Amino acid sequence: MTYNPIIPVTDNTHLFKARMKMICAKYKGDSPIKNKAEKKGKKGYTSKLPLYMSEAKEILKNITLLKSLSLDNRFSYIASSGFYFPYTKKDDAKFILNDKERKKLDMESDNGIEGCQKLVENLKKQVNVDNFLKNDEEKEVIKNIVLLLDNYLNTVRGEIMEMREKYNEKAKKAKFLGSYVNFVKMDQKGYKKAFKDIDEKYNRRHKKESIMPDVFHHSSKEPQKSIVKVNFFEEIDNEENIPEVNDQLLIDNEKFYQTLTNKNEQIEIISRQFAEIEKLQHTFMEKALEQERNIEIIHDKVELTEINLKLANNLIKNALENNASRRVIFMFCIIVLTLTLLFLDWFNP
């Protein structure tokens, strides 16, 4: 037989209410009104630091892409000059760019530099104009980040310009050497005529050296053959000492030398003209860059003037509103004073 104990039930509602009153009194500061006020204050001041940081990361990605686009093809770009000799295997060009690909790479790198420069300048303007960055530390952090981005972009620009200067130097050397090669290809007849006698002399000497040992090694049984060979060489020497042949060779050599000197002078004149053209191109590029900088400065000033005009318009509107309210108050006071004076005159005749 089991025993079921009966537990008496008591009413503890008054204790629960007292406990809740104590908790409310203890945490009175965490009232819903205060929480709402704090939320409103937090919503009123929102920092733009994470937005600027994300924008700076995007600019950094663009600059690294520009660097990889232009400098990964560095050796191929320089090898397209036609005068590239790598020192090590690392410097070997995987492939050689043609003129169209090289110009396309130059255009893309220039557009990338301009785009990144504009992004950096826009970020700098936003930071300078932004009034939500009340904390000086946040402003300094973002300004330092912008400065680092600008320095990184300048280093990438310098590396690209150095790559182009190396290409121009090597292309000049290739043109200079190629001009002489083309001259020889064009005037092959004169070249062959000038060096024909040298080849003949070399061949004759080579024949002498190859035949003379046979002459000394022959036995006494064959004296006539050796004599014949010696007489043959004597005839050749006599042909070489003919004055008419020598005079003709001298005349041909002088003519060829004159043509070479004339061509060399023409090549020097053309190279000087190319150098002058390059100098003019450099001056034109410098002036164009100066004009772009001046245009950017004017654009910045125009934007600042627009901002100042907007602020001035707002101030003028506020001033006009304040003056209008003051005029209404003065008119009301004058009307009240006139009415009081009229009432006093009527009341005290």
Protein backbone atom coordinates (compact mmCIF):
# COMPACT_ATOMS: atom_id res chain seq x y z
CA MET A 1 0.00 0.00 0.00
CA THR A 2 1.51 3.30 -1.16
CA TYR A 3 1.42 6.64 0.63
CA ASN A 4 0.87 9.81 -1.43
CA PRO A 5 1.91 12.88 0.54
CA ILE A 6 -0.21 15.97 -0.07
CA ILE A 7 1.89 19.16 -0.52
CA PRO A 8 0.03 22.28 0.61
CA VAL A 9 -0.28 25.00 -2.12
CA THR A 10 0.56 28.60 -1.04
CA ASP A 11 -0.09 31.88 -2.87
CA ASN A 12 3.26 33.64 -3.61
CA THR A 13 1.98 36.39 -5.92
CA HIS A 14 2.78 39.16 -3.45
CA LEU A 15 6.38 37.92 -3.20
CA PHE A 16 6.69 37.81 -7.00
CA LYS A 17 5.37 41.39 -7.29
CA ALA A 18 7.81 42.61 -4.63
CA ARG A 19 10.70 40.90 -6.44
CA MET A 20 9.74 42.55 -9.74
CA LYS A 21 9.55 45.96 -8.04
CA MET A 22 13.09 45.48 -6.68
CA ILE A 23 14.42 44.50 -10.10
CA CYS A 24 12.77 47.52 -11.72
CA ALA A 25 14.18 49.83 -9.04
CA LYS A 26 17.66 48.33 -9.46
CA TYR A 27 17.71 48.68 -13.25
CA LYS A 28 15.82 51.93 -13.42
CA GLY A 29 18.50 53.43 -15.69
CA ASP A 30 17.71 50.87 -18.40
CA SER A 31 14.25 52.28 -19.03
CA PRO A 32 12.73 52.00 -22.52
CA ILE A 33 12.69 55.79 -22.92
CA LYS A 34 16.44 55.99 -22.28
CA ASN A 35 17.12 53.11 -24.68
CA LYS A 36 15.10 54.85 -27.39
CA ALA A 37 17.05 58.07 -26.85
CA GLU A 38 20.37 56.22 -27.07
CA LYS A 39 19.26 54.48 -30.28
CA LYS A 40 18.24 57.81 -31.78
CA GLY A 41 21.63 59.29 -30.82
CA LYS A 42 23.46 56.36 -32.40
CA LYS A 43 21.42 56.68 -35.57
CA GLY A 44 22.13 60.41 -35.70
CA TYR A 45 25.93 59.88 -35.75
CA THR A 46 27.07 57.17 -38.17
CA SER A 47 30.78 56.94 -38.98
CA LYS A 48 31.77 56.60 -42.65
CA LEU A 49 35.15 55.02 -41.84
CA PRO A 50 34.22 51.50 -43.06
CA LEU A 51 32.87 52.93 -46.33
CA TYR A 52 36.09 54.81 -46.97
CA MET A 53 38.13 51.73 -46.06
CA SER A 54 36.22 49.58 -48.56
CA GLU A 55 36.68 52.23 -51.26
CA ALA A 56 40.43 52.35 -50.52
CA LYS A 57 40.60 48.55 -50.85
CA GLU A 58 38.94 48.74 -54.26
CA ILE A 59 41.44 51.39 -55.39
CA LEU A 60 44.31 49.20 -54.14
CA LYS A 61 42.95 46.27 -56.16
CA ASN A 62 42.80 48.43 -59.29
CA ILE A 63 46.41 49.60 -58.83
CA THR A 64 47.66 46.03 -58.32
CA LEU A 65 45.79 44.93 -61.46
CA LEU A 66 47.44 47.77 -63.38
CA LYS A 67 50.85 46.71 -62.10
CA SER A 68 50.31 43.07 -63.02
CA LEU A 69 48.98 44.04 -66.47
CA SER A 70 51.94 46.21 -67.43
CA LEU A 71 54.92 44.78 -65.54
CA ASP A 72 54.18 41.06 -66.00
CA ASN A 73 54.71 41.66 -69.74
CA ARG A 74 57.87 43.72 -69.10
CA PHE A 75 60.39 41.47 -70.88
CA SER A 76 58.04 40.82 -73.80
CA TYR A 77 57.51 44.58 -74.14
CA ILE A 78 61.26 45.32 -74.20
CA ALA A 79 61.96 42.36 -76.51
CA SER A 80 59.62 43.89 -79.11
CA SER A 81 62.30 46.55 -79.73
CA GLY A 82 64.40 43.99 -81.63
CA PHE A 83 67.54 44.61 -79.55
CA TYR A 84 67.04 42.62 -76.34
CA PHE A 85 69.68 40.26 -74.94
CA PRO A 86 68.69 38.74 -71.56
CA TYR A 87 71.36 38.18 -68.92
CA THR A 88 69.71 35.22 -67.20
CA LYS A 89 66.95 32.71 -67.88
CA LYS A 90 64.57 34.69 -65.69
CA ASP A 91 64.91 37.64 -68.06
CA ASP A 92 63.90 35.58 -71.11
CA ALA A 93 60.79 36.83 -72.89
CA LYS A 94 58.03 34.22 -73.13
CA PHE A 95 56.69 35.88 -76.27
CA ILE A 96 57.37 39.05 -78.28
CA LEU A 97 54.69 41.71 -78.69
CA ASN A 98 54.01 43.24 -82.07
CA ASP A 99 53.38 46.96 -82.62
CA LYS A 100 49.60 46.65 -82.30
CA GLU A 101 49.80 44.72 -79.01
CA ARG A 102 52.43 47.12 -77.64
CA LYS A 103 50.31 50.18 -78.48
CA LYS A 104 47.27 48.50 -76.95
CA LEU A 105 49.22 47.80 -73.76
CA ASP A 106 50.39 51.43 -73.63
CA MET A 107 46.84 52.71 -74.10
CA GLU A 108 45.44 50.38 -71.41
CA SER A 109 48.18 51.31 -68.94
CA ASP A 110 47.62 55.05 -69.55
CA ASN A 111 43.87 54.66 -69.07
CA GLY A 112 44.46 52.63 -65.90
CA ILE A 113 46.81 55.27 -64.46
CA GLU A 114 44.32 58.06 -65.21
CA GLY A 115 41.43 56.10 -63.71
CA CYS A 116 43.32 55.23 -60.52
CA GLN A 117 44.50 58.84 -60.16
CA LYS A 118 40.92 60.10 -60.44
CA LEU A 119 39.72 57.56 -57.86
CA VAL A 120 42.43 58.62 -55.39
CA GLU A 121 41.67 62.32 -55.92
CA ASN A 122 37.92 61.77 -55.48
CA LEU A 123 38.52 59.90 -52.23
CA LYS A 124 40.76 62.73 -51.03
CA LYS A 125 38.06 65.30 -51.84
CA GLN A 126 35.38 63.28 -50.05
CA VAL A 127 37.53 63.02 -46.93
CA ASN A 128 38.32 66.75 -46.92
CA VAL A 129 34.69 67.81 -47.44
CA ASP A 130 33.07 65.22 -45.14
CA ASN A 131 31.73 66.72 -41.90
CA PHE A 132 30.60 63.42 -40.35
CA LEU A 133 34.20 62.55 -39.48
CA LYS A 134 34.12 64.45 -36.21
CA ASN A 135 36.84 62.30 -34.72
CA ASP A 136 40.31 63.59 -35.70
CA GLU A 137 41.84 60.12 -35.46
CA GLU A 138 39.52 58.75 -38.15
CA LYS A 139 40.36 61.65 -40.45
CA GLU A 140 44.11 61.15 -39.96
CA VAL A 141 43.82 57.41 -40.62
CA ILE A 142 41.95 57.93 -43.89
CA LYS A 143 44.31 60.72 -44.99
CA ASN A 144 47.34 58.48 -44.38
CA ILE A 145 45.68 55.67 -46.36
CA VAL A 146 45.05 58.04 -49.29
CA LEU A 147 48.68 59.21 -49.13
CA LEU A 148 49.93 55.61 -49.24
CA LEU A 149 47.71 54.85 -52.22
CA ASP A 150 49.03 57.92 -54.04
CA ASN A 151 52.65 56.90 -53.36
CA TYR A 152 51.99 53.34 -54.55
CA LEU A 153 50.41 54.65 -57.75
CA ASN A 154 53.41 56.92 -58.34
CA THR A 155 55.83 53.97 -57.96
CA VAL A 156 53.83 51.92 -60.47
CA ARG A 157 53.79 54.89 -62.87
CA GLY A 158 57.58 55.27 -62.51
CA GLU A 159 58.16 51.58 -63.26
CA ILE A 160 55.99 51.80 -66.38
CA MET A 161 57.84 54.92 -67.59
CA GLU A 162 61.20 53.20 -66.95
CA MET A 163 60.04 50.21 -69.02
CA ARG A 164 59.07 52.52 -71.90
CA GLU A 165 62.40 54.38 -71.73
CA LYS A 166 64.30 51.10 -71.98
CA TYR A 167 62.20 50.11 -74.98
CA ASN A 168 62.93 53.45 -76.69
CA GLU A 169 66.70 53.12 -76.07
CA LYS A 170 66.83 49.60 -77.46
CA ALA A 171 64.61 50.52 -80.42
CA LYS A 172 67.01 53.37 -81.28
CA LYS A 173 69.96 50.98 -81.24
CA ALA A 174 68.08 48.50 -83.41
CA LYS A 175 67.22 51.24 -85.94
CA PHE A 176 70.81 52.49 -85.98
CA LEU A 177 72.25 49.04 -86.68
CA GLY A 178 69.44 48.06 -89.02
CA SER A 179 70.13 51.10 -91.23
CA TYR A 180 73.65 49.80 -92.01
CA VAL A 181 72.35 46.29 -92.60
CA ASN A 182 69.73 47.57 -95.03
CA PHE A 183 72.36 49.63 -96.82
CA VAL A 184 74.49 46.53 -97.35
CA LYS A 185 71.43 44.62 -98.59
CA MET A 186 70.56 47.41 -101.03
CA ASP A 187 74.10 47.79 -102.42
CA GLN A 188 75.10 44.14 -102.62
CA LYS A 189 76.84 44.54 -105.98
CA GLY A 190 79.24 47.17 -104.69
CA TYR A 191 79.78 45.18 -101.51
CA LYS A 192 80.66 42.05 -103.50
CA LYS A 193 82.86 43.99 -105.93
CA ALA A 194 84.82 45.62 -103.11
CA PHE A 195 85.50 42.36 -101.29
CA LYS A 196 85.85 40.11 -104.34
CA ASP A 197 89.59 40.69 -104.69
CA ILE A 198 90.06 39.97 -100.96
CA ASP A 199 88.35 36.60 -101.38
CA GLU A 200 90.48 35.82 -104.44
CA LYS A 201 93.71 36.63 -102.58
CA TYR A 202 92.64 34.49 -99.65
CA ASN A 203 91.82 31.57 -101.97
CA ARG A 204 95.17 31.88 -103.77
CA ARG A 205 97.10 31.88 -100.51
CA HIS A 206 95.10 28.90 -99.33
CA LYS A 207 95.98 27.05 -102.54
CA LYS A 208 99.66 27.91 -102.05
CA GLU A 209 99.63 26.54 -98.51
CA SER A 210 97.89 23.36 -99.66
CA ILE A 211 100.16 22.74 -102.68
CA MET A 212 103.62 23.72 -101.35
CA PRO A 213 103.92 20.74 -98.95
CA ASP A 214 103.24 18.41 -101.88
CA VAL A 215 106.10 20.05 -103.79
CA PHE A 216 108.61 19.47 -100.98
CA HIS A 217 107.49 15.89 -100.34
CA HIS A 218 107.79 14.79 -103.98
CA SER A 219 110.71 12.49 -104.76
CA SER A 220 113.48 13.16 -107.24
CA LYS A 221 111.73 10.95 -109.75
CA GLU A 222 109.15 13.70 -110.41
CA PRO A 223 111.11 16.92 -110.75
CA GLN A 224 109.10 18.17 -113.72
CA LYS A 225 105.77 18.21 -111.84
CA SER A 226 107.21 20.29 -109.04
CA ILE A 227 108.69 22.73 -111.56
CA VAL A 228 105.33 23.08 -113.26
CA LYS A 229 103.65 23.94 -109.96
CA VAL A 230 106.25 26.57 -109.14
CA ASN A 231 105.90 28.16 -112.53
CA PHE A 232 102.13 28.31 -112.05
CA PHE A 233 102.47 30.31 -108.85
CA GLU A 234 104.98 32.63 -110.45
CA GLU A 235 102.43 33.37 -113.19
CA ILE A 236 99.79 34.16 -110.56
CA ASP A 237 102.17 36.55 -108.78
CA ASN A 238 102.88 38.26 -112.07
CA GLU A 239 99.13 38.71 -112.67
CA GLU A 240 98.75 40.31 -109.24
CA ASN A 241 101.54 42.77 -109.93
CA ILE A 242 99.91 44.10 -113.12
CA PRO A 243 99.49 47.93 -112.66
CA GLU A 244 96.24 48.19 -114.68
CA VAL A 245 94.44 45.72 -112.42
CA ASN A 246 95.68 47.48 -109.29
CA ASP A 247 94.58 50.89 -110.60
CA GLN A 248 91.12 49.58 -111.44
CA LEU A 249 90.79 48.04 -107.97
CA LEU A 250 91.85 51.30 -106.33
CA ILE A 251 89.29 53.26 -108.37
CA ASP A 252 86.52 50.84 -107.42
CA ASN A 253 87.51 50.97 -103.76
CA GLU A 254 87.53 54.79 -103.78
CA LYS A 255 84.08 54.89 -105.38
CA PHE A 256 82.70 52.45 -102.86
CA TYR A 257 84.28 54.41 -99.99
CA GLN A 258 82.69 57.62 -101.28
CA THR A 259 79.27 55.98 -101.47
CA LEU A 260 79.71 54.66 -97.93
CA THR A 261 80.67 58.11 -96.61
CA ASN A 262 77.70 59.72 -98.36
CA LYS A 263 75.32 57.13 -96.95
CA ASN A 264 76.83 57.55 -93.50
CA GLU A 265 76.31 61.33 -93.66
CA GLN A 266 72.71 60.84 -94.74
CA ILE A 267 72.13 58.39 -91.89
CA GLU A 268 73.60 60.88 -89.39
CA ILE A 269 71.33 63.65 -90.71
CA ILE A 270 68.27 61.38 -90.42
CA SER A 271 69.26 60.31 -86.89
CA ARG A 272 69.59 63.99 -85.87
CA GLN A 273 66.17 64.70 -87.32
CA PHE A 274 64.72 61.77 -85.36
CA ALA A 275 66.36 63.09 -82.19
CA GLU A 276 64.83 66.54 -82.77
CA ILE A 277 61.43 64.97 -83.39
CA GLU A 278 61.71 63.00 -80.13
CA LYS A 279 62.64 66.18 -78.25
CA LEU A 280 59.59 67.92 -79.69
CA GLN A 281 57.44 64.96 -78.70
CA HIS A 282 58.76 65.11 -75.14
CA THR A 283 58.08 68.85 -74.92
CA PHE A 284 54.60 68.34 -76.33
CA MET A 285 53.89 65.58 -73.79
CA GLU A 286 55.14 67.77 -70.94
CA LYS A 287 52.93 70.66 -72.04
CA ALA A 288 49.95 68.33 -72.42
CA LEU A 289 50.52 66.99 -68.90
CA GLU A 290 50.79 70.55 -67.55
CA GLN A 291 47.51 71.44 -69.26
CA GLU A 292 45.84 68.36 -67.75
CA ARG A 293 47.11 69.35 -64.31
CA ASN A 294 45.84 72.91 -64.78
CA ILE A 295 42.47 71.57 -65.92
CA GLU A 296 42.27 69.34 -62.85
CA ILE A 297 43.17 72.27 -60.58
CA ILE A 298 40.49 74.42 -62.23
CA HIS A 299 37.98 71.57 -61.85
CA ASP A 300 38.79 71.29 -58.15
CA LYS A 301 38.41 75.04 -57.71
CA VAL A 302 35.07 74.99 -59.55
CA GLU A 303 33.81 72.21 -57.28
CA LEU A 304 34.92 74.13 -54.19
CA THR A 305 33.23 77.29 -55.48
CA GLU A 306 30.02 75.30 -56.05
CA ILE A 307 30.15 74.05 -52.48
CA ASN A 308 30.81 77.57 -51.19
CA LEU A 309 27.93 78.94 -53.27
CA LYS A 310 25.57 76.33 -51.86
CA LEU A 311 26.63 77.20 -48.33
CA ALA A 312 26.24 80.91 -49.08
CA ASN A 313 22.75 80.34 -50.49
CA ASN A 314 21.76 78.44 -47.36
CA LEU A 315 23.11 81.23 -45.16
CA ILE A 316 21.27 83.87 -47.20
CA LYS A 317 18.02 81.88 -46.93
CA ASN A 318 18.42 81.57 -43.17
CA ALA A 319 19.18 85.27 -42.86
CA LEU A 320 16.13 86.21 -44.93
CA GLU A 321 13.92 83.93 -42.83
CA ASN A 322 15.25 85.49 -39.62
CA ASN A 323 14.72 89.02 -40.97
CA ALA A 324 11.17 88.18 -42.04
CA SER A 325 10.29 86.85 -38.59
CA ARG A 326 11.78 89.95 -36.99
CA ARG A 327 9.75 92.22 -39.25
CA VAL A 328 6.54 90.39 -38.34
CA ILE A 329 7.32 90.80 -34.64
CA PHE A 330 8.03 94.53 -35.07
CA MET A 331 4.80 95.02 -36.99
CA PHE A 332 2.84 93.19 -34.31
CA CYS A 333 4.40 95.34 -31.58
CA ILE A 334 3.60 98.56 -33.48
CA ILE A 335 -0.01 97.50 -34.00
CA VAL A 336 -0.40 96.61 -30.32
CA LEU A 337 1.11 99.94 -29.24
CA THR A 338 -1.20 101.91 -31.55
CA LEU A 339 -4.23 100.04 -30.26
CA THR A 340 -3.24 100.66 -26.65
CA LEU A 341 -2.71 104.36 -27.32
CA LEU A 342 -6.08 104.61 -29.00
CA PHE A 343 -7.71 102.78 -26.11
CA LEU A 344 -6.08 105.11 -23.58
CA ASP A 345 -7.18 108.16 -25.52
CA TRP A 346 -10.71 106.84 -25.66
CA PHE A 347 -10.74 105.79 -22.01
CA ASN A 348 -9.23 109.03 -20.65
CA PRO A 349 -10.58 111.86 -22.73
